[in-house]
Amino acid sequence: ASTAEAVAKLGEETYGLLVIDVALPTGDVERVINRIHDMLPAERPVVLVLAAKPEAARTLDVDIVQIVLRRPIHLQQLVDLVRSCLRTSPPRRDATHQSGNGDRPSS
């Protein structure tokens, strides 16, 4: 997704975890991080950033970015970390949302 799409989605949905690559096609990771910063603390997702060089993520807001992983990463490492984050973060979905594959329920 583009940066604009990511920022728009943050206003439409609630997420428990976001994985952001500092090499976004538009290169505007700061815009996504700023949008998360504007959210109420209780609504903020856990933010995991992927970076080829860790120094690329050092300028990002440390109050928002909790985890920086250096690319390339092993898939199992990412899966384990995502599971751990989701287990420890409070539920962020309302009771009417059905869990599933991430698709919206059809009306």
C-alpha atoms as a PDB file:
ATOM      1  CA  ALA A   1       0.000   0.000   0.000  1.00  0.00           C
ATOM      2  CA  SER A   2       1.126   3.560  -0.560  1.00  0.00           C
ATOM      3  CA  THR A   3       1.775   5.944   2.312  1.00  0.00           C
ATOM      4  CA  ALA A   4      -1.492   7.773   1.591  1.00  0.00           C
ATOM      5  CA  GLU A   5      -3.421   4.486   1.652  1.00  0.00           C
ATOM      6  CA  ALA A   6      -1.744   3.453   4.918  1.00  0.00           C
ATOM      7  CA  VAL A   7      -2.603   6.767   6.582  1.00  0.00           C
ATOM      8  CA  ALA A   8      -6.215   6.538   5.355  1.00  0.00           C
ATOM      9  CA  LYS A   9      -6.569   2.959   6.645  1.00  0.00           C
ATOM     10  CA  LEU A  10      -5.378   4.073  10.087  1.00  0.00           C
ATOM     11  CA  GLY A  11      -8.422   6.335  10.228  1.00  0.00           C
ATOM     12  CA  GLU A  12     -10.812   3.586   9.112  1.00  0.00           C
ATOM     13  CA  GLU A  13      -9.685   0.507  11.032  1.00  0.00           C
ATOM     14  CA  THR A  14      -8.186  -0.372  14.397  1.00  0.00           C
ATOM     15  CA  TYR A  15      -4.996  -2.417  14.385  1.00  0.00           C
ATOM     16  CA  GLY A  16      -3.162  -4.248  17.155  1.00  0.00           C
ATOM     17  CA  LEU A  17       0.105  -4.379  15.221  1.00  0.00           C
ATOM     18  CA  LEU A  18       1.612  -2.561  12.247  1.00  0.00           C
ATOM     19  CA  VAL A  19       4.682  -3.742  10.359  1.00  0.00           C
ATOM     20  CA  ILE A  20       6.271  -0.869   8.451  1.00  0.00           C
ATOM     21  CA  ASP A  21       9.243  -1.071   6.126  1.00  0.00           C
ATOM     22  CA  VAL A  22      11.370   2.083   6.152  1.00  0.00           C
ATOM     23  CA  ALA A  23      11.802   1.512   2.425  1.00  0.00           C
ATOM     24  CA  LEU A  24       8.149   2.333   1.653  1.00  0.00           C
ATOM     25  CA  PRO A  25       7.784   3.090  -2.072  1.00  0.00           C
ATOM     26  CA  THR A  26       7.025   6.742  -1.355  1.00  0.00           C
ATOM     27  CA  GLY A  27       9.681   6.878   1.352  1.00  0.00           C
ATOM     28  CA  ASP A  28       7.390   8.756   3.723  1.00  0.00           C
ATOM     29  CA  VAL A  29       7.465   6.561   6.823  1.00  0.00           C
ATOM     30  CA  GLU A  30       7.442   9.701   8.985  1.00  0.00           C
ATOM     31  CA  ARG A  31       3.920  10.518   7.731  1.00  0.00           C
ATOM     32  CA  VAL A  32       2.605   7.132   8.899  1.00  0.00           C
ATOM     33  CA  ILE A  33       4.399   7.454  12.253  1.00  0.00           C
ATOM     34  CA  ASN A  34       3.022  10.988  12.718  1.00  0.00           C
ATOM     35  CA  ARG A  35      -0.504   9.709  12.060  1.00  0.00           C
ATOM     36  CA  ILE A  36      -0.036   7.036  14.730  1.00  0.00           C
ATOM     37  CA  HIS A  37       1.339   9.662  17.119  1.00  0.00           C
ATOM     38  CA  ASP A  38      -1.889  11.667  16.674  1.00  0.00           C
ATOM     39  CA  MET A  39      -3.971   8.682  17.811  1.00  0.00           C
ATOM     40  CA  LEU A  40      -5.070   8.308  21.419  1.00  0.00           C
ATOM     41  CA  PRO A  41      -2.520   6.159  23.278  1.00  0.00           C
ATOM     42  CA  ALA A  42      -5.119   3.434  23.916  1.00  0.00           C
ATOM     43  CA  GLU A  43      -5.794   3.204  20.160  1.00  0.00           C
ATOM     44  CA  ARG A  44      -2.161   3.017  19.054  1.00  0.00           C
ATOM     45  CA  PRO A  45      -0.998  -0.284  17.645  1.00  0.00           C
ATOM     46  CA  VAL A  46       2.321  -1.931  18.395  1.00  0.00           C
ATOM     47  CA  VAL A  47       4.656  -0.683  15.652  1.00  0.00           C
ATOM     48  CA  LEU A  48       7.360  -2.935  14.257  1.00  0.00           C
ATOM     49  CA  VAL A  49       9.717  -1.370  11.723  1.00  0.00           C
ATOM     50  CA  LEU A  50      11.823  -3.260   9.196  1.00  0.00           C
ATOM     51  CA  ALA A  51      15.061  -1.616   8.101  1.00  0.00           C
ATOM     52  CA  ALA A  52      18.062  -2.753   6.072  1.00  0.00           C
ATOM     53  CA  LYS A  53      20.176  -0.498   8.297  1.00  0.00           C
ATOM     54  CA  PRO A  54      19.016   0.118  11.880  1.00  0.00           C
ATOM     55  CA  GLU A  55      20.233   3.726  11.735  1.00  0.00           C
ATOM     56  CA  ALA A  56      17.534   4.373   9.118  1.00  0.00           C
ATOM     57  CA  ALA A  57      14.946   3.972  11.880  1.00  0.00           C
ATOM     58  CA  ARG A  58      16.755   6.008  14.542  1.00  0.00           C
ATOM     59  CA  THR A  59      15.044   9.248  13.572  1.00  0.00           C
ATOM     60  CA  LEU A  60      11.570   7.745  14.062  1.00  0.00           C
ATOM     61  CA  ASP A  61       9.544   8.604  17.177  1.00  0.00           C
ATOM     62  CA  VAL A  62      10.673   6.191  19.921  1.00  0.00           C
ATOM     63  CA  ASP A  63       7.342   6.644  21.709  1.00  0.00           C
ATOM     64  CA  ILE A  64       5.643   5.071  18.684  1.00  0.00           C
ATOM     65  CA  VAL A  65       8.147   2.588  17.231  1.00  0.00           C
ATOM     66  CA  GLN A  66       8.624  -0.215  19.749  1.00  0.00           C
ATOM     67  CA  ILE A  67      10.618  -2.691  17.661  1.00  0.00           C
ATOM     68  CA  VAL A  68      13.154  -2.322  14.854  1.00  0.00           C
ATOM     69  CA  LEU A  69      14.169  -5.445  12.945  1.00  0.00           C
ATOM     70  CA  ARG A  70      17.084  -5.500  10.583  1.00  0.00           C
ATOM     71  CA  ARG A  71      16.407  -6.880   7.105  1.00  0.00           C
ATOM     72  CA  PRO A  72      16.808  -9.452   5.814  1.00  0.00           C
ATOM     73  CA  ILE A  73      14.969 -11.322   8.532  1.00  0.00           C
ATOM     74  CA  HIS A  74      14.082 -14.948   8.917  1.00  0.00           C
ATOM     75  CA  LEU A  75      10.384 -15.554   8.369  1.00  0.00           C
ATOM     76  CA  GLN A  76      10.071 -17.618  11.554  1.00  0.00           C
ATOM     77  CA  GLN A  77      11.634 -14.776  13.562  1.00  0.00           C
ATOM     78  CA  LEU A  78       9.008 -12.384  12.215  1.00  0.00           C
ATOM     79  CA  VAL A  79       6.151 -14.839  12.832  1.00  0.00           C
ATOM     80  CA  ASP A  80       7.308 -15.457  16.422  1.00  0.00           C
ATOM     81  CA  LEU A  81       7.656 -11.739  17.111  1.00  0.00           C
ATOM     82  CA  VAL A  82       4.228 -10.920  15.641  1.00  0.00           C
ATOM     83  CA  ARG A  83       2.617 -13.667  17.751  1.00  0.00           C
ATOM     84  CA  SER A  84       4.355 -12.379  20.860  1.00  0.00           C
ATOM     85  CA  CYS A  85       3.260  -8.789  20.190  1.00  0.00           C
ATOM     86  CA  LEU A  86      -0.336  -9.762  19.577  1.00  0.00           C
ATOM     87  CA  ARG A  87      -0.450 -11.913  22.716  1.00  0.00           C
ATOM     88  CA  THR A  88       0.814  -9.094  24.904  1.00  0.00           C
ATOM     89  CA  SER A  89      -1.094  -6.186  23.340  1.00  0.00           C
ATOM     90  CA  PRO A  90      -4.626  -5.522  24.585  1.00  0.00           C
ATOM     91  CA  PRO A  91      -7.470  -6.384  22.209  1.00  0.00           C
ATOM     92  CA  ARG A  92      -8.258  -3.418  19.996  1.00  0.00           C
ATOM     93  CA  ARG A  93     -11.320  -4.597  18.082  1.00  0.00           C
ATOM     94  CA  ASP A  94     -14.860  -3.967  19.150  1.00  0.00           C
ATOM     95  CA  ALA A  95     -17.046  -6.887  20.159  1.00  0.00           C
ATOM     96  CA  THR A  96     -19.030  -6.805  16.923  1.00  0.00           C
ATOM     97  CA  HIS A  97     -15.995  -7.570  14.737  1.00  0.00           C
ATOM     98  CA  GLN A  98     -15.643 -11.210  13.795  1.00  0.00           C
ATOM     99  CA  SER A  99     -12.124 -12.620  13.832  1.00  0.00           C
ATOM    100  CA  GLY A 100     -10.952 -14.301  10.665  1.00  0.00           C
ATOM    101  CA  ASN A 101      -8.570 -13.798   7.805  1.00  0.00           C
ATOM    102  CA  GLY A 102      -8.614 -10.007   8.003  1.00  0.00           C
ATOM    103  CA  ASP A 103     -11.262  -9.503   5.332  1.00  0.00           C
ATOM    104  CA  ARG A 104     -14.213  -7.330   6.161  1.00  0.00           C
ATOM    105  CA  PRO A 105     -17.496  -9.181   6.630  1.00  0.00           C
ATOM    106  CA  SER A 106     -19.824  -8.799   3.690  1.00  0.00           C
ATOM    107  CA  SER A 107     -23.065  -6.901   4.247  1.00  0.00           C
END
